[in-house]
Amino acid sequence: MVNRLGNWRVAGATVAVLAAVLVVTAADGPPDREALEAAGLYMTAPPAVPPPDGGPTPQRGEAPVTLLLVPDSTADRVMAFDPTTGDLVNASFIPADNPHMQTAKNALAHADNASVLVADQISDVVQRYSAAGAFMSTFAPAGGVNNAIMDNITGAAYRPTGNLVVCVQSGANGNSVAEFDAAGAYVANFIAIGSGGLSGPFDVYFRASDVLVTSINTDQILRYDRATGAYLGVFAAINNFPQQIAEASNGNVLVANFSGTEVGIVEYTSAGAFVGRYNPAGVGGNRGVYELPNGNLLTTNGTGVYEVSRAGALVSTKITGVSGQYIELVQGLTPVGLQHFTVE
């Protein structure tokens, strides 16, 4: 089908079978995978059957839980993984919920720590779900979709002030990082449109001394002031599609790089010096990254979630047949006391 921008939205087709899903003429030529990825037009095959849960679901109403949340953008749901082992806990922690989720990119805890926010790339909003997995409301922008503020959104994070910031790719506010208050109302742009050459911000990560943003169209990780959002400089150049940023236990920076000559997980020192690249055969197309306590790295792509070593070996496959996105640690999520929320 054609979305409101007149672009093809492909959800649930691999590159290998794309021609069977779309009528592509010889004059049109083959689809550009990077362009489709940047626009949120994913080409990942859905599982033949729903993947089984990898373990018991945390019981709603029990003690607070700590999990890794990973959206599955093909099935329009959010998966949960064990933060110690990286193993699957629940493939449908937030069950499939289209049209509220159409290409979920990033899931993180709401400030109340009893609900979850999901930044959805195609819906152009941040949705709010109870910790029981029920849709509650559109959180940002308050009032619903407003493409003058957010269009084609990706990574999100909290400022130290508690406000939420979200990467914006397209529209009148494209190439910015927008900011929202505790009620989801738009405040301003935390990082101004095109600041420092920012083009295609895919993730935003707050460190103790600055803020890092991946810029996919300039093949860079850029630095900004933690308090003001002012441009500070280039943290590192990368070839050529940096997505999620994470921090290792030693302060090094980890970047999931989708394509190019540095596809895989790229590690830098805290100052931006190259440390290594980890790209086991059969993985690639990296979107999300998280360091496990054992020093191995959990990563996602359009086919699954994987544990890899810093020696570049595939340690284990956590789940396949899913379109994994960013990996977010949620600590102390308390799935109780939700009855007073209005579920729409």
Protein backbone atom coordinates (compact mmCIF):
# COMPACT_ATOMS: atom_id res chain seq x y z
CA MET A 1 0.00 0.00 0.00
CA VAL A 2 0.99 3.66 -0.18
CA ASN A 3 1.33 5.69 3.00
CA ARG A 4 0.32 9.31 3.39
CA LEU A 5 3.68 10.47 2.03
CA GLY A 6 3.16 8.54 -1.16
CA ASN A 7 5.89 6.05 -0.29
CA TRP A 8 5.58 2.29 -0.28
CA ARG A 9 5.30 0.91 3.24
CA VAL A 10 6.64 -2.64 3.31
CA ALA A 11 6.12 -4.53 6.56
CA GLY A 12 6.84 -8.23 6.36
CA ALA A 13 8.90 -8.84 3.24
CA THR A 14 12.56 -9.71 2.87
CA VAL A 15 14.80 -8.25 0.22
CA ALA A 16 14.73 -11.67 -1.41
CA VAL A 17 10.96 -11.70 -1.75
CA LEU A 18 10.31 -8.00 -2.16
CA ALA A 19 9.60 -8.42 -5.87
CA ALA A 20 6.85 -10.89 -5.00
CA VAL A 21 5.18 -8.36 -2.69
CA LEU A 22 5.59 -5.21 -4.74
CA VAL A 23 5.21 -4.88 -8.47
CA VAL A 24 8.61 -3.47 -9.40
CA THR A 25 9.25 -2.85 -13.07
CA ALA A 26 12.60 -3.01 -14.75
CA ALA A 27 12.41 0.73 -15.25
CA ASP A 28 11.92 1.24 -11.53
CA GLY A 29 14.97 -0.80 -10.64
CA PRO A 30 15.62 -2.60 -7.35
CA PRO A 31 14.56 -1.04 -4.05
CA ASP A 32 17.20 0.86 -2.08
CA ARG A 33 17.38 -0.93 1.29
CA GLU A 34 19.06 1.95 3.10
CA ALA A 35 16.53 4.45 1.80
CA LEU A 36 13.69 2.18 2.87
CA GLU A 37 15.23 1.65 6.30
CA ALA A 38 15.71 5.39 6.80
CA ALA A 39 12.11 6.04 5.85
CA GLY A 40 10.82 3.30 8.15
CA LEU A 41 9.91 0.99 5.28
CA TYR A 42 11.13 -2.32 6.57
CA MET A 43 11.65 -5.48 4.52
CA THR A 44 11.74 -8.22 7.08
CA ALA A 45 9.97 -11.55 6.79
CA PRO A 46 7.50 -12.32 9.58
CA PRO A 47 7.74 -15.67 11.35
CA ALA A 48 5.87 -18.52 9.74
CA VAL A 49 4.24 -19.12 13.10
CA PRO A 50 4.16 -16.87 16.17
CA PRO A 51 7.46 -17.35 18.03
CA PRO A 52 7.07 -19.10 21.38
CA ASP A 53 7.83 -17.30 24.59
CA GLY A 54 11.26 -18.06 25.91
CA GLY A 55 10.20 -18.25 29.54
CA PRO A 56 7.57 -17.34 32.07
CA THR A 57 5.82 -14.01 31.76
CA PRO A 58 6.37 -11.73 34.77
CA GLN A 59 3.12 -11.87 36.66
CA ARG A 60 1.23 -8.60 36.70
CA GLY A 61 0.89 -7.27 40.21
CA GLU A 62 4.07 -8.94 41.49
CA ALA A 63 7.24 -7.20 42.63
CA PRO A 64 8.96 -4.67 40.33
CA VAL A 65 10.70 -6.24 37.35
CA THR A 66 13.84 -5.29 35.46
CA LEU A 67 13.79 -6.13 31.77
CA LEU A 68 15.24 -5.31 28.39
CA LEU A 69 12.45 -4.08 26.12
CA VAL A 70 12.83 -4.56 22.35
CA PRO A 71 10.16 -3.59 19.82
CA ASP A 72 9.37 -6.07 17.05
CA SER A 73 8.42 -3.68 14.27
CA THR A 74 7.01 -6.37 11.98
CA ALA A 75 4.60 -7.85 14.53
CA ASP A 76 3.78 -4.41 16.03
CA ARG A 77 4.56 -5.51 19.59
CA VAL A 78 7.24 -5.17 22.29
CA MET A 79 9.33 -8.14 23.45
CA ALA A 80 11.01 -8.54 26.86
CA PHE A 81 14.42 -10.10 27.56
CA ASP A 82 16.41 -10.96 30.67
CA PRO A 83 18.95 -8.17 31.33
CA THR A 84 21.50 -10.62 32.78
CA THR A 85 21.44 -13.41 30.21
CA GLY A 86 19.78 -11.68 27.27
CA ASP A 87 17.37 -14.60 26.97
CA LEU A 88 13.79 -14.09 25.83
CA VAL A 89 11.30 -13.66 28.67
CA ASN A 90 8.13 -12.79 26.77
CA ALA A 91 7.76 -12.33 23.00
CA SER A 92 4.60 -10.25 23.53
CA PHE A 93 5.19 -8.23 26.68
CA ILE A 94 3.13 -5.59 24.91
CA PRO A 95 0.99 -7.59 22.47
CA ALA A 96 0.50 -6.71 18.81
CA ASP A 97 -1.44 -3.47 18.63
CA ASN A 98 -1.80 -2.05 15.14
CA PRO A 99 -2.64 0.75 14.34
CA HIS A 100 -1.27 2.20 17.60
CA MET A 101 2.02 0.50 16.75
CA GLN A 102 2.95 0.40 13.07
CA THR A 103 6.75 0.44 13.20
CA ALA A 104 7.74 0.59 16.87
CA LYS A 105 11.36 1.70 17.22
CA ASN A 106 12.09 2.38 20.89
CA ALA A 107 10.34 1.34 24.13
CA LEU A 108 11.25 2.84 27.49
CA ALA A 109 9.69 3.29 30.91
CA HIS A 110 7.34 6.18 31.55
CA ALA A 111 8.40 8.44 34.41
CA ASP A 112 5.84 6.76 36.69
CA ASN A 113 7.73 3.45 36.26
CA ALA A 114 4.37 1.71 36.02
CA SER A 115 3.81 2.18 32.28
CA VAL A 116 5.81 2.07 29.05
CA LEU A 117 6.33 4.60 26.26
CA VAL A 118 6.79 3.39 22.68
CA ALA A 119 8.19 5.68 19.98
CA ASP A 120 6.54 4.56 16.73
CA GLN A 121 8.22 5.55 13.48
CA ILE A 122 5.23 5.33 11.15
CA SER A 123 2.52 6.45 13.60
CA ASP A 124 4.62 9.58 14.30
CA VAL A 125 3.75 9.52 18.00
CA VAL A 126 4.92 8.17 21.33
CA GLN A 127 2.28 5.78 22.64
CA ARG A 128 1.70 4.88 26.29
CA TYR A 129 0.95 1.36 27.52
CA SER A 130 0.23 -0.04 30.95
CA ALA A 131 2.75 -2.49 32.34
CA ALA A 132 0.06 -5.09 31.70
CA GLY A 133 0.45 -4.38 27.99
CA ALA A 134 -2.80 -2.45 27.43
CA PHE A 135 -2.91 0.69 25.30
CA MET A 136 -3.59 3.74 27.45
CA SER A 137 -3.21 6.86 25.31
CA THR A 138 -1.05 8.78 22.89
CA PHE A 139 1.55 10.45 25.09
CA ALA A 140 3.34 12.77 22.68
CA PRO A 141 2.58 15.03 21.05
CA ALA A 142 -0.22 15.71 23.52
CA GLY A 143 -3.41 15.80 21.51
CA GLY A 144 -2.26 13.26 18.92
CA VAL A 145 -0.45 13.23 15.60
CA ASN A 146 1.05 16.58 14.61
CA ASN A 147 3.45 16.27 11.71
CA ALA A 148 4.58 19.83 12.16
CA ILE A 149 6.27 18.52 15.32
CA MET A 150 7.05 14.84 14.68
CA ASP A 151 7.18 12.93 11.42
CA ASN A 152 9.14 9.68 10.98
CA ILE A 153 10.49 9.35 14.53
CA THR A 154 13.12 6.97 15.87
CA GLY A 155 15.13 7.02 19.12
CA ALA A 156 14.00 8.60 22.38
CA ALA A 157 15.53 9.35 25.78
CA TYR A 158 14.99 11.37 28.94
CA ARG A 159 16.78 14.60 29.74
CA PRO A 160 18.08 14.95 33.31
CA THR A 161 15.14 17.35 33.82
CA GLY A 162 12.74 14.47 33.22
CA ASN A 163 11.52 15.74 29.86
CA LEU A 164 11.39 13.32 26.95
CA VAL A 165 13.36 13.95 23.76
CA VAL A 166 12.66 12.24 20.43
CA CYS A 167 14.61 12.08 17.15
CA VAL A 168 12.66 13.50 14.19
CA GLN A 169 13.59 12.52 10.63
CA SER A 170 11.11 14.23 8.34
CA GLY A 171 8.59 17.01 7.87
CA ALA A 172 8.81 20.64 8.87
CA ASN A 173 10.68 19.70 12.05
CA GLY A 174 12.94 17.10 10.44
CA ASN A 175 16.60 16.73 11.47
CA SER A 176 15.90 17.83 15.02
CA VAL A 177 15.48 16.33 18.48
CA ALA A 178 12.12 17.44 19.85
CA GLU A 179 11.39 17.87 23.57
CA PHE A 180 8.19 17.11 25.52
CA ASP A 181 7.22 17.78 29.11
CA ALA A 182 5.86 15.31 31.68
CA ALA A 183 2.39 15.54 30.14
CA GLY A 184 3.65 14.97 26.59
CA ALA A 185 3.21 18.60 25.51
CA TYR A 186 5.75 19.88 23.00
CA VAL A 187 8.20 22.28 24.65
CA ALA A 188 10.67 23.13 21.89
CA ASN A 189 13.49 21.46 20.05
CA PHE A 190 16.20 20.33 22.45
CA ILE A 191 18.55 20.08 19.45
CA ALA A 192 17.71 22.56 16.70
CA ILE A 193 17.01 21.57 13.11
CA GLY A 194 20.28 20.74 11.35
CA SER A 195 22.43 21.79 14.30
CA GLY A 196 26.06 20.89 13.60
CA GLY A 197 25.00 19.37 10.28
CA LEU A 198 22.58 16.93 11.92
CA SER A 199 20.76 15.04 9.16
CA GLY A 200 18.71 11.96 9.92
CA PRO A 201 19.02 11.71 13.74
CA PHE A 202 18.39 8.06 14.59
CA ASP A 203 19.19 7.88 18.30
CA VAL A 204 19.97 10.23 21.17
CA TYR A 205 21.99 9.18 24.23
CA PHE A 206 22.78 11.23 27.35
CA ARG A 207 26.21 10.71 28.92
CA ALA A 208 27.51 12.33 32.10
CA SER A 209 29.21 15.12 30.16
CA ASP A 210 27.37 15.45 26.84
CA VAL A 211 24.71 14.07 24.49
CA LEU A 212 25.46 11.84 21.50
CA VAL A 213 23.23 11.67 18.41
CA THR A 214 23.64 9.34 15.43
CA SER A 215 23.31 11.21 12.12
CA ILE A 216 22.65 8.68 9.35
CA ASN A 217 22.88 11.01 6.36
CA THR A 218 26.25 12.45 7.37
CA ASP A 219 27.65 9.12 8.67
CA GLN A 220 28.60 10.61 12.03
CA ILE A 221 27.99 10.51 15.75
CA LEU A 222 27.63 14.13 16.88
CA ARG A 223 28.10 15.69 20.33
CA TYR A 224 25.84 18.25 21.99
CA ASP A 225 25.74 20.08 25.30
CA ARG A 226 23.91 18.08 27.95
CA ALA A 227 22.16 21.10 29.43
CA THR A 228 21.40 23.28 26.39
CA GLY A 229 21.53 21.01 23.34
CA ALA A 230 24.12 23.27 21.70
CA TYR A 231 26.43 21.63 19.16
CA LEU A 232 29.89 20.67 20.49
CA GLY A 233 31.51 18.71 17.65
CA VAL A 234 31.90 15.36 15.91
CA PHE A 235 32.37 12.42 18.26
CA ALA A 236 33.25 9.98 15.46
CA ALA A 237 32.74 9.33 11.75
CA ILE A 238 31.22 5.99 10.80
CA ASN A 239 30.42 4.16 7.58
CA ASN A 240 27.51 4.37 7.12
CA PHE A 241 24.19 3.99 8.95
CA PRO A 242 24.56 4.37 12.74
CA GLN A 243 21.43 3.53 14.72
CA GLN A 244 21.29 2.89 18.49
CA ILE A 245 23.94 4.23 20.86
CA ALA A 246 24.73 2.53 24.19
CA GLU A 247 27.41 2.85 26.84
CA ALA A 248 29.61 0.00 28.03
CA SER A 249 30.42 -0.58 31.69
CA ASN A 250 33.91 0.90 31.18
CA GLY A 251 32.50 4.09 29.64
CA ASN A 252 33.17 3.10 26.05
CA VAL A 253 30.51 3.91 23.47
CA LEU A 254 28.77 1.18 21.46
CA VAL A 255 27.00 1.92 18.18
CA ALA A 256 24.79 -0.48 16.21
CA ASN A 257 25.71 0.27 12.60
CA PHE A 258 23.22 -0.89 9.98
CA SER A 259 25.35 -1.02 6.83
CA GLY A 260 28.50 0.06 4.97
CA THR A 261 32.09 -0.98 5.53
CA GLU A 262 31.62 -0.78 9.32
CA VAL A 263 28.41 -2.79 9.57
CA GLY A 264 28.06 -4.47 12.97
CA ILE A 265 28.65 -3.17 16.48
CA VAL A 266 31.33 -0.48 16.55
CA GLU A 267 33.03 0.34 19.85
CA TYR A 268 34.78 3.62 20.68
CA THR A 269 36.56 4.98 23.72
CA SER A 270 34.70 7.65 25.65
CA ALA A 271 36.68 10.21 23.62
CA GLY A 272 35.67 8.74 20.27
CA ALA A 273 38.74 6.66 19.36
CA PHE A 274 37.99 3.42 17.47
CA VAL A 275 38.31 0.27 19.61
CA GLY A 276 36.82 -2.52 17.51
CA ARG A 277 34.03 -3.77 15.29
CA TYR A 278 32.05 -6.96 15.96
CA ASN A 279 30.15 -8.45 13.03
CA PRO A 280 29.62 -12.22 13.10
CA ALA A 281 28.59 -13.87 9.84
CA GLY A 282 24.84 -14.11 9.49
CA VAL A 283 24.00 -11.10 11.65
CA GLY A 284 24.64 -7.64 10.12
CA GLY A 285 22.07 -4.93 9.53
CA ASN A 286 22.44 -3.96 13.20
CA ARG A 287 19.87 -1.70 14.81
CA GLY A 288 20.08 -2.17 18.58
CA VAL A 289 22.91 -2.81 21.03
CA TYR A 290 23.27 -3.47 24.77
CA GLU A 291 26.21 -4.75 26.84
CA LEU A 292 25.37 -7.80 28.97
CA PRO A 293 27.02 -8.28 32.39
CA ASN A 294 29.27 -11.01 30.96
CA GLY A 295 30.82 -8.50 28.56
CA ASN A 296 29.09 -9.89 25.49
CA LEU A 297 26.80 -7.69 23.41
CA LEU A 298 23.13 -8.14 22.68
CA THR A 299 22.19 -6.85 19.23
CA THR A 300 19.14 -6.75 16.98
CA ASN A 301 18.48 -6.65 13.28
CA GLY A 302 15.70 -7.35 10.81
CA THR A 303 15.79 -11.09 11.46
CA GLY A 304 16.23 -11.47 15.21
CA VAL A 305 18.05 -10.81 18.48
CA TYR A 306 21.57 -12.16 18.99
CA GLU A 307 24.35 -12.33 21.58
CA VAL A 308 27.81 -11.70 20.13
CA SER A 309 31.27 -11.57 21.66
CA ARG A 310 33.92 -8.90 21.33
CA ALA A 311 35.90 -11.52 19.45
CA GLY A 312 33.26 -11.19 16.74
CA ALA A 313 31.66 -14.59 17.35
CA LEU A 314 27.97 -15.38 17.46
CA VAL A 315 27.42 -16.69 21.00
CA SER A 316 23.71 -17.42 20.84
CA THR A 317 20.53 -16.62 18.96
CA LYS A 318 17.81 -15.39 21.30
CA ILE A 319 14.96 -15.30 18.79
CA THR A 320 14.58 -15.25 15.01
CA GLY A 321 11.77 -14.34 12.65
CA VAL A 322 11.30 -10.94 14.29
CA SER A 323 12.28 -7.42 13.28
CA GLY A 324 14.24 -6.28 16.33
CA GLN A 325 14.76 -2.61 17.05
CA TYR A 326 16.37 -0.70 19.94
CA ILE A 327 17.20 -2.38 23.24
CA GLU A 328 16.23 -0.46 26.36
CA LEU A 329 16.90 -1.39 29.99
CA VAL A 330 13.81 -0.83 32.14
CA GLN A 331 14.59 -1.03 35.85
CA GLY A 332 12.00 -1.49 38.56
CA LEU A 333 8.95 -1.50 36.30
CA THR A 334 6.04 -1.93 38.69
CA PRO A 335 3.04 -3.57 37.02
CA VAL A 336 0.55 -2.67 39.76
CA GLY A 337 -1.93 0.08 40.58
CA LEU A 338 -2.95 0.58 36.96
CA GLN A 339 -6.71 0.39 37.34
CA HIS A 340 -7.09 4.14 37.79
CA PHE A 341 -5.78 4.83 34.30
CA THR A 342 -8.30 5.22 31.51
CA VAL A 343 -7.57 2.63 28.86
CA GLU A 344 -8.69 3.77 25.41
